[in-house]
Amino acid sequence: MSSKSFEKKKILVIDDFGDMRMMLVNIMRMLGAVDVDSANDGNNAIEAMQNKKYDIILCDYNLGPGKDGQQVLEEARHRGLIKM
């Protein structure tokens, strides 16, 4: 993919570690992404997905207390927040 491929993509980064989350956001921006949001846990991720349709979602599996990455995926699918 060229950097123009990411230019119009809506991206969500989900990670409970702030440094990792910011690193992934910065990598997406270096690849040309402009619309990059982040969430620090499963609840915030689901809320973000309810408010915006994302083209790309990068999600850590271990999100600390609460929902893990698999549960976020399953809930988002169940609610129709992501494409199958």
Protein backbone atom coordinates (compact mmCIF):
# COMPACT_ATOMS: atom_id res chain seq x y z
CA MET A 1 0.00 0.00 0.00
CA SER A 2 1.22 3.47 -0.80
CA SER A 3 0.91 6.33 1.68
CA LYS A 4 -2.01 7.64 -0.40
CA SER A 5 -3.82 4.39 0.44
CA PHE A 6 -4.07 5.46 4.08
CA GLU A 7 -4.90 9.10 3.36
CA LYS A 8 -8.69 8.68 3.34
CA LYS A 9 -8.93 5.77 5.79
CA LYS A 10 -10.54 6.16 9.20
CA ILE A 11 -8.38 4.32 11.72
CA LEU A 12 -8.94 3.36 15.35
CA VAL A 13 -6.05 2.26 17.59
CA ILE A 14 -7.02 0.43 20.79
CA ASP A 15 -4.39 -0.21 23.47
CA ASP A 16 -4.31 0.27 27.23
CA PHE A 17 -0.65 1.37 27.24
CA GLY A 18 -0.44 5.05 26.34
CA ASP A 19 3.09 4.84 24.88
CA MET A 20 2.17 1.93 22.60
CA ARG A 21 -1.08 3.63 21.58
CA MET A 22 0.76 6.84 20.65
CA MET A 23 3.47 4.90 18.79
CA LEU A 24 0.84 3.14 16.67
CA VAL A 25 -1.01 6.42 16.02
CA ASN A 26 2.27 8.02 14.93
CA ILE A 27 3.11 5.08 12.65
CA MET A 28 -0.30 5.37 10.99
CA ARG A 29 0.30 9.10 10.47
CA MET A 30 3.77 8.41 9.03
CA LEU A 31 2.06 6.07 6.57
CA GLY A 32 -0.14 8.94 5.44
CA ALA A 33 -3.22 8.50 7.62
CA VAL A 34 -4.97 11.72 8.62
CA ASP A 35 -8.06 10.49 10.50
CA VAL A 36 -6.64 8.42 13.39
CA ASP A 37 -8.49 8.01 16.70
CA SER A 38 -7.48 6.02 19.75
CA ALA A 39 -9.11 4.31 22.71
CA ASN A 40 -7.54 3.06 25.93
CA ASP A 41 -10.04 0.28 26.75
CA GLY A 42 -12.85 -1.83 25.32
CA ASN A 43 -15.66 0.44 26.47
CA ASN A 44 -14.10 3.53 24.88
CA ALA A 45 -13.42 1.53 21.72
CA ILE A 46 -17.06 0.42 21.40
CA GLU A 47 -18.21 4.00 22.02
CA ALA A 48 -15.86 5.28 19.30
CA MET A 49 -17.15 2.63 16.87
CA GLN A 50 -20.74 3.67 17.62
CA ASN A 51 -19.89 7.25 16.66
CA LYS A 52 -17.81 6.57 13.54
CA LYS A 53 -17.36 3.79 10.98
CA TYR A 54 -13.69 2.80 10.81
CA ASP A 55 -11.90 1.31 7.84
CA ILE A 56 -9.02 -0.06 9.94
CA ILE A 57 -9.01 -1.07 13.61
CA LEU A 58 -5.77 -2.01 15.37
CA CYS A 59 -6.59 -3.64 18.70
CA ASP A 60 -4.37 -5.13 21.38
CA TYR A 61 -5.65 -8.39 22.85
CA ASN A 62 -4.79 -7.62 26.48
CA LEU A 63 -6.55 -4.37 27.36
CA GLY A 64 -6.25 -4.63 31.13
CA PRO A 65 -9.35 -4.82 33.35
CA GLY A 66 -12.62 -5.16 31.46
CA LYS A 67 -13.07 -6.39 27.90
CA ASP A 68 -10.17 -8.00 26.07
CA GLY A 69 -9.55 -7.53 22.35
CA GLN A 70 -11.55 -10.63 21.39
CA GLN A 71 -14.56 -9.43 23.38
CA VAL A 72 -14.34 -6.01 21.71
CA LEU A 73 -14.31 -7.71 18.29
CA GLU A 74 -17.27 -9.95 19.16
CA GLU A 75 -19.33 -7.08 20.60
CA ALA A 76 -18.57 -4.84 17.62
CA ARG A 77 -19.65 -7.62 15.24
CA HIS A 78 -22.81 -8.34 17.25
CA ARG A 79 -23.79 -4.65 17.22
CA GLY A 80 -23.02 -4.30 13.50
CA LEU A 81 -20.26 -1.76 14.15
CA ILE A 82 -17.74 -3.45 11.87
CA LYS A 83 -18.00 -5.16 8.52
CA MET A 84 -17.66 -8.91 8.36
